[in-house]
């Protein structure tokens, strides 16, 4: 996921490829809170710095259903 704040409409990406979408940026803590509130167990929390051509840092979180 893209880390940051707010929504960012896109008209081009990967050079000059025309697109029409909105990138939604989140803070990892927001998503982790949603995962745990849903009863999932956090098993991966990886943060990645911004690396061009990306315009924002990224993160990966994974939640699993706890085993009984």
Foldseek 3Di string as FASTA:
>chain_A
DFADQDKAFDQADPPRHGDTDIDHHHHLVVVVVVCVVVQWDKDDWAWAADDPPDPGTDIDIDTHHDDD
